[in-house]
Amino acid sequence: MVKPAPDDRSPSRRARDEQLAAEPEMSIPHVPPDAVPVAVEAHLARLRPRPVAVSGVVENGVVRPLDPSVKLREHARVIIVASEVPHRQS
């Protein structure tokens, strides 16, 4: 039989956890009977643009795409893909 781990939460955290556990459960949201199901991906696509994958490097927290024609918005979500061969532009 597995022994339970010791409870090392702080007293304030333990009180908060007990308070949350004592709250009544939330009711199921009302959905009209004629509502059409939507995939989660479709819902998330409306909230934020998808990340862009480009080859490049990250230097001191600054993203630098290797292709100079790539222009990124200020808060763009980017996936930097490292190239196998170091690429230096003159």
PDB file of N, CA and C in Angstrom:
ATOM      1  N   MET A   1       0.836  -1.174   0.000  1.00  0.00           N
ATOM      2  CA  MET A   1       0.000   0.000   0.000  1.00  0.00           C
ATOM      3  C   MET A   1       0.893   1.254   0.000  1.00  0.00           C
ATOM      4  N   VAL A   2       0.519   2.241  -0.781  1.00  0.00           N
ATOM      5  CA  VAL A   2       1.300   3.469  -0.899  1.00  0.00           C
ATOM      6  C   VAL A   2       0.944   4.413   0.240  1.00  0.00           C
ATOM      7  N   LYS A   3       1.966   4.960   0.893  1.00  0.00           N
ATOM      8  CA  LYS A   3       1.739   5.923   1.963  1.00  0.00           C
ATOM      9  C   LYS A   3       1.467   7.290   1.351  1.00  0.00           C
ATOM     10  N   PRO A   4       0.494   8.013   1.876  1.00  0.00           N
ATOM     11  CA  PRO A   4       0.245   9.357   1.344  1.00  0.00           C
ATOM     12  C   PRO A   4       1.408  10.285   1.680  1.00  0.00           C
ATOM     13  N   ALA A   5       1.680  11.199   0.786  1.00  0.00           N
ATOM     14  CA  ALA A   5       2.761  12.164   1.002  1.00  0.00           C
ATOM     15  C   ALA A   5       2.360  13.124   2.118  1.00  0.00           C
ATOM     16  N   PRO A   6       3.318  13.619   2.885  1.00  0.00           N
ATOM     17  CA  PRO A   6       2.977  14.569   3.948  1.00  0.00           C
ATOM     18  C   PRO A   6       2.431  15.866   3.357  1.00  0.00           C
ATOM     19  N   ASP A   7       1.470  16.449   4.032  1.00  0.00           N
ATOM     20  CA  ASP A   7       0.841  17.698   3.587  1.00  0.00           C
ATOM     21  C   ASP A   7       1.746  18.856   3.983  1.00  0.00           C
ATOM     22  N   ASP A   8       2.474  19.405   3.017  1.00  0.00           N
ATOM     23  CA  ASP A   8       3.405  20.487   3.319  1.00  0.00           C
ATOM     24  C   ASP A   8       2.900  21.850   2.843  1.00  0.00           C
ATOM     25  N   ARG A   9       1.566  21.950   2.653  1.00  0.00           N
ATOM     26  CA  ARG A   9       0.993  23.244   2.263  1.00  0.00           C
ATOM     27  C   ARG A   9       1.033  24.209   3.447  1.00  0.00           C
ATOM     28  N   SER A  10       1.118  25.490   3.133  1.00  0.00           N
ATOM     29  CA  SER A  10       1.085  26.498   4.194  1.00  0.00           C
ATOM     30  C   SER A  10      -0.342  26.565   4.756  1.00  0.00           C
ATOM     31  N   PRO A  11      -0.499  27.069   5.966  1.00  0.00           N
ATOM     32  CA  PRO A  11      -1.853  27.157   6.543  1.00  0.00           C
ATOM     33  C   PRO A  11      -2.804  27.995   5.695  1.00  0.00           C
ATOM     34  N   SER A  12      -2.308  29.079   5.102  1.00  0.00           N
ATOM     35  CA  SER A  12      -3.189  29.905   4.260  1.00  0.00           C
ATOM     36  C   SER A  12      -3.591  29.155   2.998  1.00  0.00           C
ATOM     37  N   ARG A  13      -2.659  28.409   2.418  1.00  0.00           N
ATOM     38  CA  ARG A  13      -2.982  27.630   1.217  1.00  0.00           C
ATOM     39  C   ARG A  13      -3.976  26.517   1.559  1.00  0.00           C
ATOM     40  N   ARG A  14      -3.781  25.854   2.707  1.00  0.00           N
ATOM     41  CA  ARG A  14      -4.684  24.796   3.130  1.00  0.00           C
ATOM     42  C   ARG A  14      -6.096  25.349   3.343  1.00  0.00           C
ATOM     43  N   ALA A  15      -6.208  26.539   3.959  1.00  0.00           N
ATOM     44  CA  ALA A  15      -7.516  27.171   4.186  1.00  0.00           C
ATOM     45  C   ALA A  15      -8.180  27.534   2.865  1.00  0.00           C
ATOM     46  N   ARG A  16      -7.382  28.042   1.910  1.00  0.00           N
ATOM     47  CA  ARG A  16      -7.935  28.400   0.600  1.00  0.00           C
ATOM     48  C   ARG A  16      -8.429  27.154  -0.142  1.00  0.00           C
ATOM     49  N   ASP A  17      -7.657  26.066  -0.079  1.00  0.00           N
ATOM     50  CA  ASP A  17      -8.067  24.820  -0.723  1.00  0.00           C
ATOM     51  C   ASP A  17      -9.359  24.285  -0.111  1.00  0.00           C
ATOM     52  N   GLU A  18      -9.480  24.367   1.221  1.00  0.00           N
ATOM     53  CA  GLU A  18     -10.703  23.911   1.889  1.00  0.00           C
ATOM     54  C   GLU A  18     -11.891  24.781   1.500  1.00  0.00           C
ATOM     55  N   GLN A  19     -11.660  26.089   1.368  1.00  0.00           N
ATOM     56  CA  GLN A  19     -12.729  27.002   0.973  1.00  0.00           C
ATOM     57  C   GLN A  19     -13.214  26.672  -0.440  1.00  0.00           C
ATOM     58  N   LEU A  20     -12.282  26.427  -1.355  1.00  0.00           N
ATOM     59  CA  LEU A  20     -12.668  26.084  -2.725  1.00  0.00           C
ATOM     60  C   LEU A  20     -13.410  24.752  -2.780  1.00  0.00           C
ATOM     61  N   ALA A  21     -12.982  23.786  -1.976  1.00  0.00           N
ATOM     62  CA  ALA A  21     -13.634  22.484  -1.962  1.00  0.00           C
ATOM     63  C   ALA A  21     -15.045  22.569  -1.402  1.00  0.00           C
ATOM     64  N   ALA A  22     -15.299  23.537  -0.519  1.00  0.00           N
ATOM     65  CA  ALA A  22     -16.618  23.673   0.105  1.00  0.00           C
ATOM     66  C   ALA A  22     -17.614  24.417  -0.786  1.00  0.00           C
ATOM     67  N   GLU A  23     -17.145  25.100  -1.812  1.00  0.00           N
ATOM     68  CA  GLU A  23     -18.050  25.852  -2.692  1.00  0.00           C
ATOM     69  C   GLU A  23     -18.930  24.886  -3.475  1.00  0.00           C
ATOM     70  N   PRO A  24     -20.171  25.296  -3.783  1.00  0.00           N
ATOM     71  CA  PRO A  24     -21.046  24.428  -4.582  1.00  0.00           C
ATOM     72  C   PRO A  24     -20.512  24.296  -6.004  1.00  0.00           C
ATOM     73  N   GLU A  25     -20.816  23.160  -6.630  1.00  0.00           N
ATOM     74  CA  GLU A  25     -20.364  22.933  -8.009  1.00  0.00           C
ATOM     75  C   GLU A  25     -21.085  23.891  -8.947  1.00  0.00           C
ATOM     76  N   MET A  26     -20.406  24.267 -10.005  1.00  0.00           N
ATOM     77  CA  MET A  26     -21.004  25.162 -11.000  1.00  0.00           C
ATOM     78  C   MET A  26     -22.020  24.377 -11.815  1.00  0.00           C
ATOM     79  N   SER A  27     -23.073  25.070 -12.227  1.00  0.00           N
ATOM     80  CA  SER A  27     -24.093  24.402 -13.030  1.00  0.00           C
ATOM     81  C   SER A  27     -23.600  24.248 -14.470  1.00  0.00           C
ATOM     82  N   ILE A  28     -24.214  23.330 -15.164  1.00  0.00           N
ATOM     83  CA  ILE A  28     -23.871  23.109 -16.570  1.00  0.00           C
ATOM     84  C   ILE A  28     -24.346  24.313 -17.369  1.00  0.00           C
ATOM     85  N   PRO A  29     -23.510  24.859 -18.259  1.00  0.00           N
ATOM     86  CA  PRO A  29     -23.935  26.035 -19.024  1.00  0.00           C
ATOM     87  C   PRO A  29     -25.120  25.712 -19.928  1.00  0.00           C
ATOM     88  N   HIS A  30     -26.002  26.694 -20.086  1.00  0.00           N
ATOM     89  CA  HIS A  30     -27.175  26.519 -20.934  1.00  0.00           C
ATOM     90  C   HIS A  30     -26.760  26.618 -22.404  1.00  0.00           C
ATOM     91  N   VAL A  31     -27.077  25.596 -23.152  1.00  0.00           N
ATOM     92  CA  VAL A  31     -26.789  25.568 -24.581  1.00  0.00           C
ATOM     93  C   VAL A  31     -28.109  25.334 -25.302  1.00  0.00           C
ATOM     94  N   PRO A  32     -28.442  26.178 -26.277  1.00  0.00           N
ATOM     95  CA  PRO A  32     -29.692  25.960 -27.004  1.00  0.00           C
ATOM     96  C   PRO A  32     -29.703  24.587 -27.679  1.00  0.00           C
ATOM     97  N   PRO A  33     -30.878  23.967 -27.788  1.00  0.00           N
ATOM     98  CA  PRO A  33     -30.942  22.624 -28.379  1.00  0.00           C
ATOM     99  C   PRO A  33     -30.508  22.589 -29.848  1.00  0.00           C
ATOM    100  N   ASP A  34     -30.608  23.712 -30.544  1.00  0.00           N
ATOM    101  CA  ASP A  34     -30.243  23.717 -31.964  1.00  0.00           C
ATOM    102  C   ASP A  34     -28.803  24.182 -32.201  1.00  0.00           C
ATOM    103  N   ALA A  35     -28.013  24.283 -31.152  1.00  0.00           N
ATOM    104  CA  ALA A  35     -26.624  24.729 -31.299  1.00  0.00           C
ATOM    105  C   ALA A  35     -25.804  23.666 -32.032  1.00  0.00           C
ATOM    106  N   VAL A  36     -24.944  24.139 -32.926  1.00  0.00           N
ATOM    107  CA  VAL A  36     -24.098  23.238 -33.711  1.00  0.00           C
ATOM    108  C   VAL A  36     -22.765  23.068 -32.978  1.00  0.00           C
ATOM    109  N   PRO A  37     -22.321  21.818 -32.781  1.00  0.00           N
ATOM    110  CA  PRO A  37     -21.019  21.623 -32.121  1.00  0.00           C
ATOM    111  C   PRO A  37     -19.882  22.196 -32.972  1.00  0.00           C
ATOM    112  N   VAL A  38     -18.894  22.765 -32.291  1.00  0.00           N
ATOM    113  CA  VAL A  38     -17.740  23.346 -32.969  1.00  0.00           C
ATOM    114  C   VAL A  38     -16.484  22.709 -32.390  1.00  0.00           C
ATOM    115  N   ALA A  39     -15.527  22.395 -33.248  1.00  0.00           N
ATOM    116  CA  ALA A  39     -14.271  21.819 -32.788  1.00  0.00           C
ATOM    117  C   ALA A  39     -13.510  22.839 -31.942  1.00  0.00           C
ATOM    118  N   VAL A  40     -12.751  22.364 -30.989  1.00  0.00           N
ATOM    119  CA  VAL A  40     -11.965  23.243 -30.122  1.00  0.00           C
ATOM    120  C   VAL A  40     -10.985  24.061 -30.957  1.00  0.00           C
ATOM    121  N   GLU A  41     -10.416  23.449 -31.991  1.00  0.00           N
ATOM    122  CA  GLU A  41      -9.460  24.162 -32.844  1.00  0.00           C
ATOM    123  C   GLU A  41     -10.090  25.379 -33.491  1.00  0.00           C
ATOM    124  N   ALA A  42     -11.345  25.252 -33.918  1.00  0.00           N
ATOM    125  CA  ALA A  42     -12.039  26.384 -34.547  1.00  0.00           C
ATOM    126  C   ALA A  42     -12.266  27.494 -33.529  1.00  0.00           C
ATOM    127  N   HIS A  43     -12.596  27.120 -32.304  1.00  0.00           N
ATOM    128  CA  HIS A  43     -12.801  28.118 -31.261  1.00  0.00           C
ATOM    129  C   HIS A  43     -11.502  28.848 -30.941  1.00  0.00           C
ATOM    130  N   LEU A  44     -10.409  28.102 -30.791  1.00  0.00           N
ATOM    131  CA  LEU A  44      -9.128  28.718 -30.462  1.00  0.00           C
ATOM    132  C   LEU A  44      -8.590  29.568 -31.608  1.00  0.00           C
ATOM    133  N   ALA A  45      -8.898  29.198 -32.841  1.00  0.00           N
ATOM    134  CA  ALA A  45      -8.409  29.976 -33.988  1.00  0.00           C
ATOM    135  C   ALA A  45      -9.022  31.369 -34.004  1.00  0.00           C
ATOM    136  N   ARG A  46     -10.217  31.521 -33.456  1.00  0.00           N
ATOM    137  CA  ARG A  46     -10.852  32.840 -33.425  1.00  0.00           C
ATOM    138  C   ARG A  46     -10.199  33.743 -32.391  1.00  0.00           C
ATOM    139  N   LEU A  47      -9.616  33.159 -31.352  1.00  0.00           N
ATOM    140  CA  LEU A  47      -9.058  33.960 -30.265  1.00  0.00           C
ATOM    141  C   LEU A  47      -7.703  34.560 -30.594  1.00  0.00           C
ATOM    142  N   ARG A  48      -6.849  33.783 -31.201  1.00  0.00           N
ATOM    143  CA  ARG A  48      -5.483  34.236 -31.482  1.00  0.00           C
ATOM    144  C   ARG A  48      -5.040  33.707 -32.836  1.00  0.00           C
ATOM    145  N   PRO A  49      -4.195  34.454 -33.496  1.00  0.00           N
ATOM    146  CA  PRO A  49      -3.631  33.900 -34.721  1.00  0.00           C
ATOM    147  C   PRO A  49      -2.697  32.740 -34.401  1.00  0.00           C
ATOM    148  N   ARG A  50      -2.586  31.834 -35.326  1.00  0.00           N
ATOM    149  CA  ARG A  50      -1.716  30.679 -35.121  1.00  0.00           C
ATOM    150  C   ARG A  50      -0.253  31.105 -35.167  1.00  0.00           C
ATOM    151  N   PRO A  51       0.618  30.378 -34.476  1.00  0.00           N
ATOM    152  CA  PRO A  51       2.036  30.739 -34.517  1.00  0.00           C
ATOM    153  C   PRO A  51       2.628  30.488 -35.898  1.00  0.00           C
ATOM    154  N   VAL A  52       3.641  31.248 -36.220  1.00  0.00           N
ATOM    155  CA  VAL A  52       4.337  31.130 -37.496  1.00  0.00           C
ATOM    156  C   VAL A  52       5.655  30.414 -37.249  1.00  0.00           C
ATOM    157  N   ALA A  53       5.980  29.419 -38.074  1.00  0.00           N
ATOM    158  CA  ALA A  53       7.254  28.712 -37.945  1.00  0.00           C
ATOM    159  C   ALA A  53       8.209  29.233 -39.012  1.00  0.00           C
ATOM    160  N   VAL A  54       9.358  29.751 -38.582  1.00  0.00           N
ATOM    161  CA  VAL A  54      10.380  30.244 -39.503  1.00  0.00           C
ATOM    162  C   VAL A  54      11.736  29.751 -39.031  1.00  0.00           C
ATOM    163  N   SER A  55      12.665  29.634 -39.959  1.00  0.00           N
ATOM    164  CA  SER A  55      14.023  29.261 -39.558  1.00  0.00           C
ATOM    165  C   SER A  55      14.741  30.518 -39.089  1.00  0.00           C
ATOM    166  N   GLY A  56      15.491  30.379 -38.014  1.00  0.00           N
ATOM    167  CA  GLY A  56      16.185  31.539 -37.490  1.00  0.00           C
ATOM    168  C   GLY A  56      16.952  31.200 -36.238  1.00  0.00           C
ATOM    169  N   VAL A  57      17.386  32.234 -35.563  1.00  0.00           N
ATOM    170  CA  VAL A  57      18.154  32.076 -34.335  1.00  0.00           C
ATOM    171  C   VAL A  57      17.571  32.996 -33.271  1.00  0.00           C
ATOM    172  N   VAL A  58      17.833  32.642 -32.020  1.00  0.00           N
ATOM    173  CA  VAL A  58      17.460  33.493 -30.894  1.00  0.00           C
ATOM    174  C   VAL A  58      18.754  33.890 -30.216  1.00  0.00           C
ATOM    175  N   GLU A  59      19.016  35.185 -30.192  1.00  0.00           N
ATOM    176  CA  GLU A  59      20.240  35.708 -29.591  1.00  0.00           C
ATOM    177  C   GLU A  59      19.870  36.672 -28.478  1.00  0.00           C
ATOM    178  N   ASN A  60      20.240  36.326 -27.246  1.00  0.00           N
ATOM    179  CA  ASN A  60      19.956  37.178 -26.088  1.00  0.00           C
ATOM    180  C   ASN A  60      18.475  37.528 -25.981  1.00  0.00           C
ATOM    181  N   GLY A  61      17.615  36.560 -26.282  1.00  0.00           N
ATOM    182  CA  GLY A  61      16.180  36.772 -26.177  1.00  0.00           C
ATOM    183  C   GLY A  61      15.563  37.480 -27.368  1.00  0.00           C
ATOM    184  N   VAL A  62      16.341  37.816 -28.370  1.00  0.00           N
ATOM    185  CA  VAL A  62      15.833  38.491 -29.565  1.00  0.00           C
ATOM    186  C   VAL A  62      15.733  37.478 -30.695  1.00  0.00           C
ATOM    187  N   VAL A  63      14.555  37.404 -31.316  1.00  0.00           N
ATOM    188  CA  VAL A  63      14.334  36.476 -32.423  1.00  0.00           C
ATOM    189  C   VAL A  63      14.827  37.112 -33.711  1.00  0.00           C
ATOM    190  N   ARG A  64      15.684  36.376 -34.423  1.00  0.00           N
ATOM    191  CA  ARG A  64      16.198  36.890 -35.696  1.00  0.00           C
ATOM    192  C   ARG A  64      15.973  35.831 -36.769  1.00  0.00           C
ATOM    193  N   PRO A  65      14.952  36.037 -37.638  1.00  0.00           N
ATOM    194  CA  PRO A  65      14.744  35.089 -38.738  1.00  0.00           C
ATOM    195  C   PRO A  65      15.912  35.144 -39.717  1.00  0.00           C
ATOM    196  N   LEU A  66      16.234  33.996 -40.299  1.00  0.00           N
ATOM    197  CA  LEU A  66      17.331  33.957 -41.270  1.00  0.00           C
ATOM    198  C   LEU A  66      16.918  34.559 -42.610  1.00  0.00           C
ATOM    199  N   ASP A  67      15.632  34.500 -42.926  1.00  0.00           N
ATOM    200  CA  ASP A  67      15.140  35.074 -44.182  1.00  0.00           C
ATOM    201  C   ASP A  67      14.824  36.547 -43.946  1.00  0.00           C
ATOM    202  N   PRO A  68      15.545  37.468 -44.592  1.00  0.00           N
ATOM    203  CA  PRO A  68      15.309  38.895 -44.346  1.00  0.00           C
ATOM    204  C   PRO A  68      13.951  39.387 -44.840  1.00  0.00           C
ATOM    205  N   SER A  69      13.271  38.614 -45.686  1.00  0.00           N
ATOM    206  CA  SER A  69      11.968  39.052 -46.185  1.00  0.00           C
ATOM    207  C   SER A  69      10.842  38.776 -45.183  1.00  0.00           C
ATOM    208  N   VAL A  70      11.115  38.031 -44.112  1.00  0.00           N
ATOM    209  CA  VAL A  70      10.090  37.717 -43.107  1.00  0.00           C
ATOM    210  C   VAL A  70       9.898  38.932 -42.202  1.00  0.00           C
ATOM    211  N   LYS A  71       8.682  39.405 -42.121  1.00  0.00           N
ATOM    212  CA  LYS A  71       8.336  40.530 -41.248  1.00  0.00           C
ATOM    213  C   LYS A  71       7.361  40.025 -40.202  1.00  0.00           C
ATOM    214  N   LEU A  72       7.651  40.278 -38.928  1.00  0.00           N
ATOM    215  CA  LEU A  72       6.821  39.808 -37.833  1.00  0.00           C
ATOM    216  C   LEU A  72       6.185  40.984 -37.109  1.00  0.00           C
ATOM    217  N   ARG A  73       4.952  40.759 -36.623  1.00  0.00           N
ATOM    218  CA  ARG A  73       4.302  41.773 -35.792  1.00  0.00           C
ATOM    219  C   ARG A  73       5.034  41.847 -34.455  1.00  0.00           C
ATOM    220  N   GLU A  74       4.772  42.891 -33.697  1.00  0.00           N
ATOM    221  CA  GLU A  74       5.500  43.094 -32.443  1.00  0.00           C
ATOM    222  C   GLU A  74       5.264  41.966 -31.448  1.00  0.00           C
ATOM    223  N   HIS A  75       4.040  41.496 -31.310  1.00  0.00           N
ATOM    224  CA  HIS A  75       3.733  40.425 -30.366  1.00  0.00           C
ATOM    225  C   HIS A  75       3.337  39.151 -31.094  1.00  0.00           C
ATOM    226  N   ALA A  76       4.004  38.860 -32.197  1.00  0.00           N
ATOM    227  CA  ALA A  76       3.686  37.674 -32.982  1.00  0.00           C
ATOM    228  C   ALA A  76       4.103  36.414 -32.237  1.00  0.00           C
ATOM    229  N   ARG A  77       3.311  35.366 -32.405  1.00  0.00           N
ATOM    230  CA  ARG A  77       3.670  34.069 -31.837  1.00  0.00           C
ATOM    231  C   ARG A  77       4.503  33.352 -32.885  1.00  0.00           C
ATOM    232  N   VAL A  78       5.751  33.050 -32.530  1.00  0.00           N
ATOM    233  CA  VAL A  78       6.702  32.514 -33.498  1.00  0.00           C
ATOM    234  C   VAL A  78       7.323  31.233 -32.962  1.00  0.00           C
ATOM    235  N   ILE A  79       7.473  30.251 -33.831  1.00  0.00           N
ATOM    236  CA  ILE A  79       8.240  29.057 -33.524  1.00  0.00           C
ATOM    237  C   ILE A  79       9.505  29.147 -34.355  1.00  0.00           C
ATOM    238  N   ILE A  80      10.654  29.281 -33.701  1.00  0.00           N
ATOM    239  CA  ILE A  80      11.923  29.374 -34.423  1.00  0.00           C
ATOM    240  C   ILE A  80      12.463  27.969 -34.611  1.00  0.00           C
ATOM    241  N   VAL A  81      12.712  27.620 -35.845  1.00  0.00           N
ATOM    242  CA  VAL A  81      13.248  26.305 -36.192  1.00  0.00           C
ATOM    243  C   VAL A  81      14.724  26.487 -36.506  1.00  0.00           C
ATOM    244  N   ALA A  82      15.571  25.819 -35.737  1.00  0.00           N
ATOM    245  CA  ALA A  82      17.013  25.953 -35.932  1.00  0.00           C
ATOM    246  C   ALA A  82      17.428  25.225 -37.198  1.00  0.00           C
ATOM    247  N   SER A  83      18.298  25.856 -37.963  1.00  0.00           N
ATOM    248  CA  SER A  83      18.822  25.201 -39.163  1.00  0.00           C
ATOM    249  C   SER A  83      20.008  24.330 -38.766  1.00  0.00           C
ATOM    250  N   GLU A  84      20.268  23.274 -39.534  1.00  0.00           N
ATOM    251  CA  GLU A  84      21.365  22.362 -39.217  1.00  0.00           C
ATOM    252  C   GLU A  84      22.723  22.991 -39.491  1.00  0.00           C
ATOM    253  N   VAL A  85      22.805  23.773 -40.538  1.00  0.00           N
ATOM    254  CA  VAL A  85      24.071  24.409 -40.915  1.00  0.00           C
ATOM    255  C   VAL A  85      23.992  25.874 -40.512  1.00  0.00           C
ATOM    256  N   PRO A  86      24.986  26.375 -39.780  1.00  0.00           N
ATOM    257  CA  PRO A  86      24.947  27.796 -39.430  1.00  0.00           C
ATOM    258  C   PRO A  86      24.900  28.639 -40.702  1.00  0.00           C
ATOM    259  N   HIS A  87      24.021  29.626 -40.730  1.00  0.00           N
ATOM    260  CA  HIS A  87      23.806  30.456 -41.904  1.00  0.00           C
ATOM    261  C   HIS A  87      24.185  31.876 -41.552  1.00  0.00           C
ATOM    262  N   ARG A  88      25.193  32.409 -42.177  1.00  0.00           N
ATOM    263  CA  ARG A  88      25.618  33.795 -41.951  1.00  0.00           C
ATOM    264  C   ARG A  88      25.411  34.584 -43.217  1.00  0.00           C
ATOM    265  N   GLN A  89      24.815  35.751 -43.062  1.00  0.00           N
ATOM    266  CA  GLN A  89      24.647  36.640 -44.212  1.00  0.00           C
ATOM    267  C   GLN A  89      25.741  37.686 -44.172  1.00  0.00           C
ATOM    268  N   SER A  90      26.266  38.000 -45.323  1.00  0.00           N
ATOM    269  CA  SER A  90      27.342  38.988 -45.380  1.00  0.00           C
ATOM    270  C   SER A  90      26.818  40.387 -45.461  1.00  0.00           C
TER     271      SER A  90
END
